[in-house]
C-alpha atoms as a PDB file:
ATOM      1  CA  MET A   1     -18.047 -85.696 118.404  1.00  0.00           C
ATOM      2  CA  ASP A   2     -19.356 -82.384 117.388  1.00  0.00           C
ATOM      3  CA  ASN A   3     -22.958 -81.953 116.831  1.00  0.00           C
ATOM      4  CA  GLY A   4     -24.257 -78.490 115.530  1.00  0.00           C
ATOM      5  CA  ASN A   5     -26.696 -76.182 117.423  1.00  0.00           C
ATOM      6  CA  GLU A   6     -30.267 -75.819 116.228  1.00  0.00           C
ATOM      7  CA  THR A   7     -31.506 -72.115 116.469  1.00  0.00           C
ATOM      8  CA  GLN A   8     -35.016 -71.056 116.387  1.00  0.00           C
ATOM      9  CA  LYS A   9     -35.918 -67.308 116.097  1.00  0.00           C
ATOM     10  CA  THR A  10     -39.245 -65.982 117.008  1.00  0.00           C
ATOM     11  CA  THR A  11     -40.478 -62.258 116.978  1.00  0.00           C
ATOM     12  CA  SER A  12     -43.194 -60.787 119.088  1.00  0.00           C
ATOM     13  CA  GLY A  13     -44.111 -57.083 119.419  1.00  0.00           C
ATOM     14  CA  GLY A  14     -41.082 -54.812 120.029  1.00  0.00           C
ATOM     15  CA  SER A  15     -39.054 -57.533 121.904  1.00  0.00           C
ATOM     16  CA  ARG A  16     -36.498 -59.923 120.236  1.00  0.00           C
ATOM     17  CA  LYS A  17     -36.199 -63.293 121.660  1.00  0.00           C
ATOM     18  CA  ILE A  18     -33.622 -66.037 120.572  1.00  0.00           C
ATOM     19  CA  ILE A  19     -34.133 -69.586 121.684  1.00  0.00           C
ATOM     20  CA  VAL A  20     -31.171 -71.778 121.334  1.00  0.00           C
ATOM     21  CA  LEU A  21     -31.165 -75.446 121.648  1.00  0.00           C
ATOM     22  CA  ALA A  22     -27.499 -76.382 122.346  1.00  0.00           C
ATOM     23  CA  ALA A  23     -26.951 -80.116 121.574  1.00  0.00           C
ATOM     24  CA  LEU A  24     -23.501 -81.325 122.146  1.00  0.00           C
ATOM     25  CA  ALA A  25     -23.481 -85.090 122.507  1.00  0.00           C
ATOM     26  CA  GLY A  26     -21.132 -86.682 124.773  1.00  0.00           C
ATOM     27  CA  ILE A  27     -20.086 -83.434 126.554  1.00  0.00           C
ATOM     28  CA  VAL A  28     -22.179 -83.086 129.587  1.00  0.00           C
ATOM     29  CA  ALA A  29     -24.625 -85.796 130.626  1.00  0.00           C
ATOM     30  CA  GLY A  30     -28.177 -84.467 130.707  1.00  0.00           C
ATOM     31  CA  ALA A  31     -27.196 -80.921 129.657  1.00  0.00           C
ATOM     32  CA  VAL A  32     -28.575 -80.649 126.151  1.00  0.00           C
ATOM     33  CA  GLY A  33     -30.448 -77.448 126.043  1.00  0.00           C
ATOM     34  CA  VAL A  34     -30.233 -73.773 127.077  1.00  0.00           C
ATOM     35  CA  TYR A  35     -32.670 -70.862 126.451  1.00  0.00           C
ATOM     36  CA  VAL A  36     -31.240 -67.357 125.978  1.00  0.00           C
ATOM     37  CA  MET A  37     -33.216 -64.259 125.702  1.00  0.00           C
ATOM     38  CA  GLU A  38     -31.489 -61.181 124.252  1.00  0.00           C
ATOM     39  CA  ARG A  39     -31.991 -57.901 126.113  1.00  0.00           C
ATOM     40  CA  PRO A  40     -31.375 -54.742 124.563  1.00  0.00           C
ATOM     41  CA  SER A  41     -28.246 -53.058 126.147  1.00  0.00           C
ATOM     42  CA  GLY A  42     -27.281 -49.375 126.329  1.00  0.00           C
ATOM     43  CA  ASN A  43     -23.709 -50.415 126.950  1.00  0.00           C
ATOM     44  CA  ILE A  44     -22.699 -52.447 123.727  1.00  0.00           C
ATOM     45  CA  VAL A  45     -18.923 -52.898 124.056  1.00  0.00           C
ATOM     46  CA  ALA A  46     -17.278 -50.996 121.036  1.00  0.00           C
ATOM     47  CA  GLY A  47     -13.882 -51.001 119.518  1.00  0.00           C
ATOM     48  CA  THR A  48     -13.210 -54.603 119.107  1.00  0.00           C
ATOM     49  CA  ASN A  49     -12.701 -54.588 115.520  1.00  0.00           C
ATOM     50  CA  THR A  50     -10.145 -57.055 113.915  1.00  0.00           C
ATOM     51  CA  SER A  51      -6.691 -55.594 114.217  1.00  0.00           C
ATOM     52  CA  ASP A  52      -3.918 -56.580 111.699  1.00  0.00           C
ATOM     53  CA  GLN A  53      -2.233 -58.112 114.849  1.00  0.00           C
ATOM     54  CA  CYS A  54      -5.052 -60.623 115.052  1.00  0.00           C
ATOM     55  CA  THR A  55      -5.484 -61.211 111.392  1.00  0.00           C
ATOM     56  CA  ALA A  56      -1.925 -62.759 111.387  1.00  0.00           C
ATOM     57  CA  LYS A  57      -3.011 -65.348 113.927  1.00  0.00           C
ATOM     58  CA  THR A  58      -4.758 -67.737 111.507  1.00  0.00           C
ATOM     59  CA  ASP A  59      -1.964 -70.236 111.792  1.00  0.00           C
ATOM     60  CA  THR A  60      -2.329 -70.216 115.503  1.00  0.00           C
ATOM     61  CA  ALA A  61      -6.039 -70.667 115.137  1.00  0.00           C
ATOM     62  CA  ARG A  62      -5.487 -73.676 113.028  1.00  0.00           C
ATOM     63  CA  LYS A  63      -3.280 -75.378 115.600  1.00  0.00           C
ATOM     64  CA  ILE A  64      -5.930 -74.909 118.288  1.00  0.00           C
ATOM     65  CA  ASP A  65      -8.530 -76.498 115.971  1.00  0.00           C
ATOM     66  CA  ALA A  66      -6.313 -79.420 115.361  1.00  0.00           C
ATOM     67  CA  ALA A  67      -5.663 -79.664 119.272  1.00  0.00           C
ATOM     68  CA  ALA A  68      -9.494 -79.574 120.020  1.00  0.00           C
ATOM     69  CA  THR A  69     -10.261 -83.302 120.252  1.00  0.00           C
ATOM     70  CA  GLY A  70     -12.337 -85.867 122.006  1.00  0.00           C
ATOM     71  CA  ALA A  71     -14.392 -83.969 124.821  1.00  0.00           C
ATOM     72  CA  VAL A  72     -13.448 -80.607 123.531  1.00  0.00           C
ATOM     73  CA  ALA A  73     -13.957 -81.194 119.856  1.00  0.00           C
ATOM     74  CA  ALA A  74     -16.620 -78.584 119.756  1.00  0.00           C
ATOM     75  CA  MET A  75     -14.033 -75.983 120.186  1.00  0.00           C
ATOM     76  CA  ARG A  76     -13.346 -74.462 116.469  1.00  0.00           C
ATOM     77  CA  GLY A  77     -10.253 -72.374 115.659  1.00  0.00           C
ATOM     78  CA  ALA A  78     -11.205 -68.992 114.246  1.00  0.00           C
ATOM     79  CA  GLU A  79     -11.202 -68.425 110.528  1.00  0.00           C
ATOM     80  CA  LYS A  80     -10.644 -64.710 111.080  1.00  0.00           C
ATOM     81  CA  PRO A  81      -9.244 -64.023 114.605  1.00  0.00           C
ATOM     82  CA  GLN A  82     -10.485 -60.843 116.210  1.00  0.00           C
ATOM     83  CA  SER A  83      -9.367 -58.708 118.988  1.00  0.00           C
ATOM     84  CA  MET A  84     -11.050 -58.907 122.056  1.00  0.00           C
ATOM     85  CA  SER A  85      -8.970 -56.570 124.225  1.00  0.00           C
ATOM     86  CA  ALA A  86     -11.693 -53.996 124.616  1.00  0.00           C
ATOM     87  CA  LEU A  87     -14.310 -56.346 125.987  1.00  0.00           C
ATOM     88  CA  SER A  88     -15.370 -54.641 129.273  1.00  0.00           C
ATOM     89  CA  PHE A  89     -17.002 -56.174 132.456  1.00  0.00           C
ATOM     90  CA  THR A  90     -16.399 -55.738 136.066  1.00  0.00           C
ATOM     91  CA  GLY A  91     -13.857 -57.396 138.205  1.00  0.00           C
ATOM     92  CA  PRO A  92     -14.335 -59.382 141.531  1.00  0.00           C
ATOM     93  CA  ASP A  93     -14.003 -56.076 143.383  1.00  0.00           C
ATOM     94  CA  GLY A  94     -16.671 -54.542 141.279  1.00  0.00           C
ATOM     95  CA  LYS A  95     -14.400 -52.073 139.305  1.00  0.00           C
ATOM     96  CA  PRO A  96     -14.487 -51.802 135.611  1.00  0.00           C
ATOM     97  CA  MET A  97     -11.979 -53.769 133.715  1.00  0.00           C
ATOM     98  CA  ARG A  98     -11.109 -55.052 130.039  1.00  0.00           C
ATOM     99  CA  LEU A  99      -9.955 -58.247 128.716  1.00  0.00           C
ATOM    100  CA  ALA A 100      -6.773 -56.216 127.918  1.00  0.00           C
ATOM    101  CA  ASP A 101      -5.973 -56.216 131.578  1.00  0.00           C
ATOM    102  CA  PHE A 102      -5.108 -60.074 131.070  1.00  0.00           C
ATOM    103  CA  LYS A 103      -2.272 -59.216 128.491  1.00  0.00           C
ATOM    104  CA  GLY A 104       0.509 -61.830 128.859  1.00  0.00           C
ATOM    105  CA  LYS A 105      -1.833 -64.798 129.498  1.00  0.00           C
ATOM    106  CA  THR A 106      -3.706 -67.185 127.541  1.00  0.00           C
ATOM    107  CA  VAL A 107      -7.571 -66.815 128.580  1.00  0.00           C
ATOM    108  CA  LEU A 108     -10.415 -69.242 128.379  1.00  0.00           C
ATOM    109  CA  VAL A 109     -13.342 -66.631 128.434  1.00  0.00           C
ATOM    110  CA  ASN A 110     -16.819 -68.182 129.396  1.00  0.00           C
ATOM    111  CA  LEU A 111     -20.027 -66.403 129.491  1.00  0.00           C
ATOM    112  CA  TRP A 112     -22.499 -67.959 131.893  1.00  0.00           C
ATOM    113  CA  ALA A 113     -25.777 -67.089 134.007  1.00  0.00           C
ATOM    114  CA  THR A 114     -27.456 -68.520 136.969  1.00  0.00           C
ATOM    115  CA  TRP A 115     -30.645 -69.477 134.954  1.00  0.00           C
ATOM    116  CA  CYS A 116     -28.414 -71.460 132.564  1.00  0.00           C
ATOM    117  CA  ALA A 117     -28.817 -75.095 133.316  1.00  0.00           C
ATOM    118  CA  PRO A 118     -25.852 -76.274 131.313  1.00  0.00           C
ATOM    119  CA  CYS A 119     -23.841 -73.510 133.128  1.00  0.00           C
ATOM    120  CA  ARG A 120     -24.711 -75.183 136.360  1.00  0.00           C
ATOM    121  CA  GLU A 121     -23.175 -78.510 135.029  1.00  0.00           C
ATOM    122  CA  GLU A 122     -20.069 -76.841 133.588  1.00  0.00           C
ATOM    123  CA  MET A 123     -19.041 -74.395 136.190  1.00  0.00           C
ATOM    124  CA  PRO A 124     -17.459 -76.891 138.536  1.00  0.00           C
ATOM    125  CA  ALA A 125     -15.385 -78.137 135.422  1.00  0.00           C
ATOM    126  CA  LEU A 126     -14.257 -74.706 134.706  1.00  0.00           C
ATOM    127  CA  ASP A 127     -13.273 -74.416 138.304  1.00  0.00           C
ATOM    128  CA  ALA A 128     -11.291 -77.591 138.279  1.00  0.00           C
ATOM    129  CA  LEU A 129      -9.588 -76.336 135.121  1.00  0.00           C
ATOM    130  CA  GLN A 130      -8.488 -72.954 136.890  1.00  0.00           C
ATOM    131  CA  THR A 131      -7.137 -74.900 139.674  1.00  0.00           C
ATOM    132  CA  LYS A 132      -5.251 -77.316 137.694  1.00  0.00           C
ATOM    133  CA  LYS A 133      -3.881 -74.777 134.881  1.00  0.00           C
ATOM    134  CA  GLY A 134      -4.413 -71.386 136.303  1.00  0.00           C
ATOM    135  CA  GLY A 135      -1.038 -69.308 136.865  1.00  0.00           C
ATOM    136  CA  ASP A 136       1.188 -66.908 135.176  1.00  0.00           C
ATOM    137  CA  ASN A 137       0.471 -68.147 131.566  1.00  0.00           C
ATOM    138  CA  PHE A 138      -3.207 -68.991 131.709  1.00  0.00           C
ATOM    139  CA  GLN A 139      -6.549 -67.909 133.511  1.00  0.00           C
ATOM    140  CA  VAL A 140     -10.250 -68.962 133.292  1.00  0.00           C
ATOM    141  CA  VAL A 141     -12.169 -65.740 133.070  1.00  0.00           C
ATOM    142  CA  ALA A 142     -15.929 -66.619 133.743  1.00  0.00           C
ATOM    143  CA  ILE A 143     -18.184 -63.722 133.043  1.00  0.00           C
ATOM    144  CA  ASN A 144     -21.655 -63.707 134.691  1.00  0.00           C
ATOM    145  CA  ILE A 145     -24.363 -62.030 132.580  1.00  0.00           C
ATOM    146  CA  ASP A 146     -27.246 -61.896 135.206  1.00  0.00           C
ATOM    147  CA  THR A 147     -28.871 -58.554 135.390  1.00  0.00           C
ATOM    148  CA  GLY A 148     -29.105 -56.869 138.884  1.00  0.00           C
ATOM    149  CA  ASP A 149     -26.753 -57.034 141.686  1.00  0.00           C
ATOM    150  CA  ASP A 150     -24.119 -59.762 142.355  1.00  0.00           C
ATOM    151  CA  GLN A 151     -25.948 -61.605 145.284  1.00  0.00           C
ATOM    152  CA  LYS A 152     -27.427 -64.094 143.187  1.00  0.00           C
ATOM    153  CA  PRO A 153     -24.364 -65.277 141.156  1.00  0.00           C
ATOM    154  CA  LYS A 154     -22.234 -65.124 144.425  1.00  0.00           C
ATOM    155  CA  GLY A 155     -24.803 -67.371 145.919  1.00  0.00           C
ATOM    156  CA  PHE A 156     -24.875 -69.618 142.863  1.00  0.00           C
ATOM    157  CA  LEU A 157     -21.186 -70.240 142.964  1.00  0.00           C
ATOM    158  CA  ALA A 158     -21.266 -70.905 146.733  1.00  0.00           C
ATOM    159  CA  ASP A 159     -23.925 -73.482 146.267  1.00  0.00           C
ATOM    160  CA  ILE A 160     -22.070 -75.461 143.625  1.00  0.00           C
ATOM    161  CA  GLY A 161     -18.981 -75.454 145.451  1.00  0.00           C
ATOM    162  CA  VAL A 162     -16.851 -73.278 143.007  1.00  0.00           C
ATOM    163  CA  LYS A 163     -13.516 -72.214 144.788  1.00  0.00           C
ATOM    164  CA  SER A 164     -11.067 -70.994 142.188  1.00  0.00           C
ATOM    165  CA  LEU A 165     -12.988 -69.071 139.879  1.00  0.00           C
ATOM    166  CA  ALA A 166     -13.231 -65.252 140.428  1.00  0.00           C
ATOM    167  CA  LEU A 167     -16.701 -63.652 139.862  1.00  0.00           C
ATOM    168  CA  TYR A 168     -16.499 -61.441 136.682  1.00  0.00           C
ATOM    169  CA  ARG A 169     -19.660 -59.692 135.775  1.00  0.00           C
ATOM    170  CA  ASP A 170     -21.494 -57.845 132.926  1.00  0.00           C
ATOM    171  CA  PRO A 171     -25.224 -57.203 134.111  1.00  0.00           C
ATOM    172  CA  THR A 172     -25.721 -55.023 130.985  1.00  0.00           C
ATOM    173  CA  MET A 173     -25.293 -58.251 128.703  1.00  0.00           C
ATOM    174  CA  GLY A 174     -22.993 -55.979 126.559  1.00  0.00           C
ATOM    175  CA  VAL A 175     -20.305 -58.673 126.264  1.00  0.00           C
ATOM    176  CA  PHE A 176     -22.840 -61.276 124.991  1.00  0.00           C
ATOM    177  CA  ASN A 177     -24.430 -58.904 122.545  1.00  0.00           C
ATOM    178  CA  ASP A 178     -21.055 -57.855 121.335  1.00  0.00           C
ATOM    179  CA  LEU A 179     -20.131 -61.551 120.743  1.00  0.00           C
ATOM    180  CA  LYS A 180     -23.491 -62.198 119.187  1.00  0.00           C
ATOM    181  CA  ARG A 181     -23.108 -59.405 116.619  1.00  0.00           C
ATOM    182  CA  LYS A 182     -19.693 -61.094 115.626  1.00  0.00           C
ATOM    183  CA  ASN A 183     -21.464 -64.492 115.209  1.00  0.00           C
ATOM    184  CA  LEU A 184     -19.423 -66.047 118.059  1.00  0.00           C
ATOM    185  CA  ALA A 185     -22.447 -66.229 120.577  1.00  0.00           C
ATOM    186  CA  PHE A 186     -25.797 -68.058 119.986  1.00  0.00           C
ATOM    187  CA  GLY A 187     -26.622 -68.942 123.564  1.00  0.00           C
ATOM    188  CA  LEU A 188     -25.275 -69.835 126.869  1.00  0.00           C
ATOM    189  CA  PRO A 189     -22.595 -71.068 127.673  1.00  0.00           C
ATOM    190  CA  VAL A 190     -20.348 -69.671 125.255  1.00  0.00           C
ATOM    191  CA  THR A 191     -16.555 -70.080 125.585  1.00  0.00           C
ATOM    192  CA  MET A 192     -13.506 -68.512 123.617  1.00  0.00           C
ATOM    193  CA  ILE A 193      -9.759 -69.008 123.769  1.00  0.00           C
ATOM    194  CA  VAL A 194      -8.087 -65.588 123.792  1.00  0.00           C
ATOM    195  CA  ASP A 195      -4.357 -65.378 123.401  1.00  0.00           C
ATOM    196  CA  LYS A 196      -1.705 -63.422 125.334  1.00  0.00           C
ATOM    197  CA  GLU A 197      -2.243 -60.513 122.898  1.00  0.00           C
ATOM    198  CA  GLY A 198      -5.993 -60.432 123.151  1.00  0.00           C
ATOM    199  CA  CYS A 199      -6.761 -62.059 120.002  1.00  0.00           C
ATOM    200  CA  GLN A 200      -9.763 -64.618 119.830  1.00  0.00           C
ATOM    201  CA  ILE A 201      -8.398 -67.609 118.245  1.00  0.00           C
ATOM    202  CA  ALA A 202     -11.163 -70.271 118.927  1.00  0.00           C
ATOM    203  CA  ALA A 203     -14.705 -70.429 120.158  1.00  0.00           C
ATOM    204  CA  MET A 204     -17.346 -72.810 120.927  1.00  0.00           C
ATOM    205  CA  ASN A 205     -21.056 -72.757 122.152  1.00  0.00           C
ATOM    206  CA  GLY A 206     -22.432 -74.989 124.647  1.00  0.00           C
ATOM    207  CA  PRO A 207     -20.752 -76.821 127.533  1.00  0.00           C
ATOM    208  CA  ALA A 208     -17.838 -78.927 127.786  1.00  0.00           C
ATOM    209  CA  PRO A 209     -16.061 -81.062 130.494  1.00  0.00           C
ATOM    210  CA  TRP A 210     -13.133 -78.573 131.252  1.00  0.00           C
ATOM    211  CA  GLU A 211     -11.723 -80.928 133.894  1.00  0.00           C
ATOM    212  CA  SER A 212     -10.919 -83.496 131.296  1.00  0.00           C
ATOM    213  CA  ASP A 213      -7.576 -84.683 130.006  1.00  0.00           C
ATOM    214  CA  ASP A 214      -8.765 -83.511 126.524  1.00  0.00           C
ATOM    215  CA  ALA A 215      -9.347 -79.867 127.839  1.00  0.00           C
ATOM    216  CA  ALA A 216      -5.936 -79.768 129.587  1.00  0.00           C
ATOM    217  CA  ARG A 217      -4.140 -80.910 126.482  1.00  0.00           C
ATOM    218  CA  LEU A 218      -6.139 -78.238 124.348  1.00  0.00           C
ATOM    219  CA  ILE A 219      -4.963 -75.463 126.850  1.00  0.00           C
ATOM    220  CA  ASP A 220      -1.373 -76.560 126.847  1.00  0.00           C
ATOM    221  CA  ALA A 221      -1.585 -76.418 123.033  1.00  0.00           C
ATOM    222  CA  ALA A 222      -3.053 -72.892 123.120  1.00  0.00           C
ATOM    223  CA  ILE A 223      -0.294 -71.800 125.441  1.00  0.00           C
ATOM    224  CA  ALA A 224       2.467 -73.362 123.317  1.00  0.00           C
ATOM    225  CA  ALA A 225       1.076 -72.153 120.016  1.00  0.00           C
ATOM    226  CA  GLN A 226       1.780 -68.363 120.604  1.00  0.00           C
END
């Protein structure tokens, strides 16, 4: 079952705040809301315009949309697939990297933060998905957007028992802001399926039980559709 998100915007002074109520019934017990504050960023990612290569992926996106059922029914195929190859963040070693570095793999990109309650519920499920499906053809790339250094997100992952997920980070929130400008991100968590050529072919806002059989079938369909 796929319920929509209710979004309320309030403006005060020179800052902009976005309050998002993510309500996805039947997805994660007790995880019904998340508040996200947009912070201005001097490191907004550029160069992720739709390419001819990605606009040809509409049939693939439709297949993903049809495969998103049951527990992952909130995932929606992209009406206009876009290139995400230029999205930049830091790798587990702290060095800069881009999503293009995963070319050749289907990637489940997830944005999360330590202060996001649904993220705490969802991260172990993403960890289980990486354990089950991760390999030469597929990888979960969970990007933390906490500001500051990496000590808090490292402690967070250790505290909830995450073993298989690597720590990717963007403390500038540039990735989130870029996806927001593209009408893909409205709150946290936000998740995209990106194909082996770096094209975003599906996206969803809100948490999901990624350890489920429905999720495994969705990932299998995404790999096979390319």
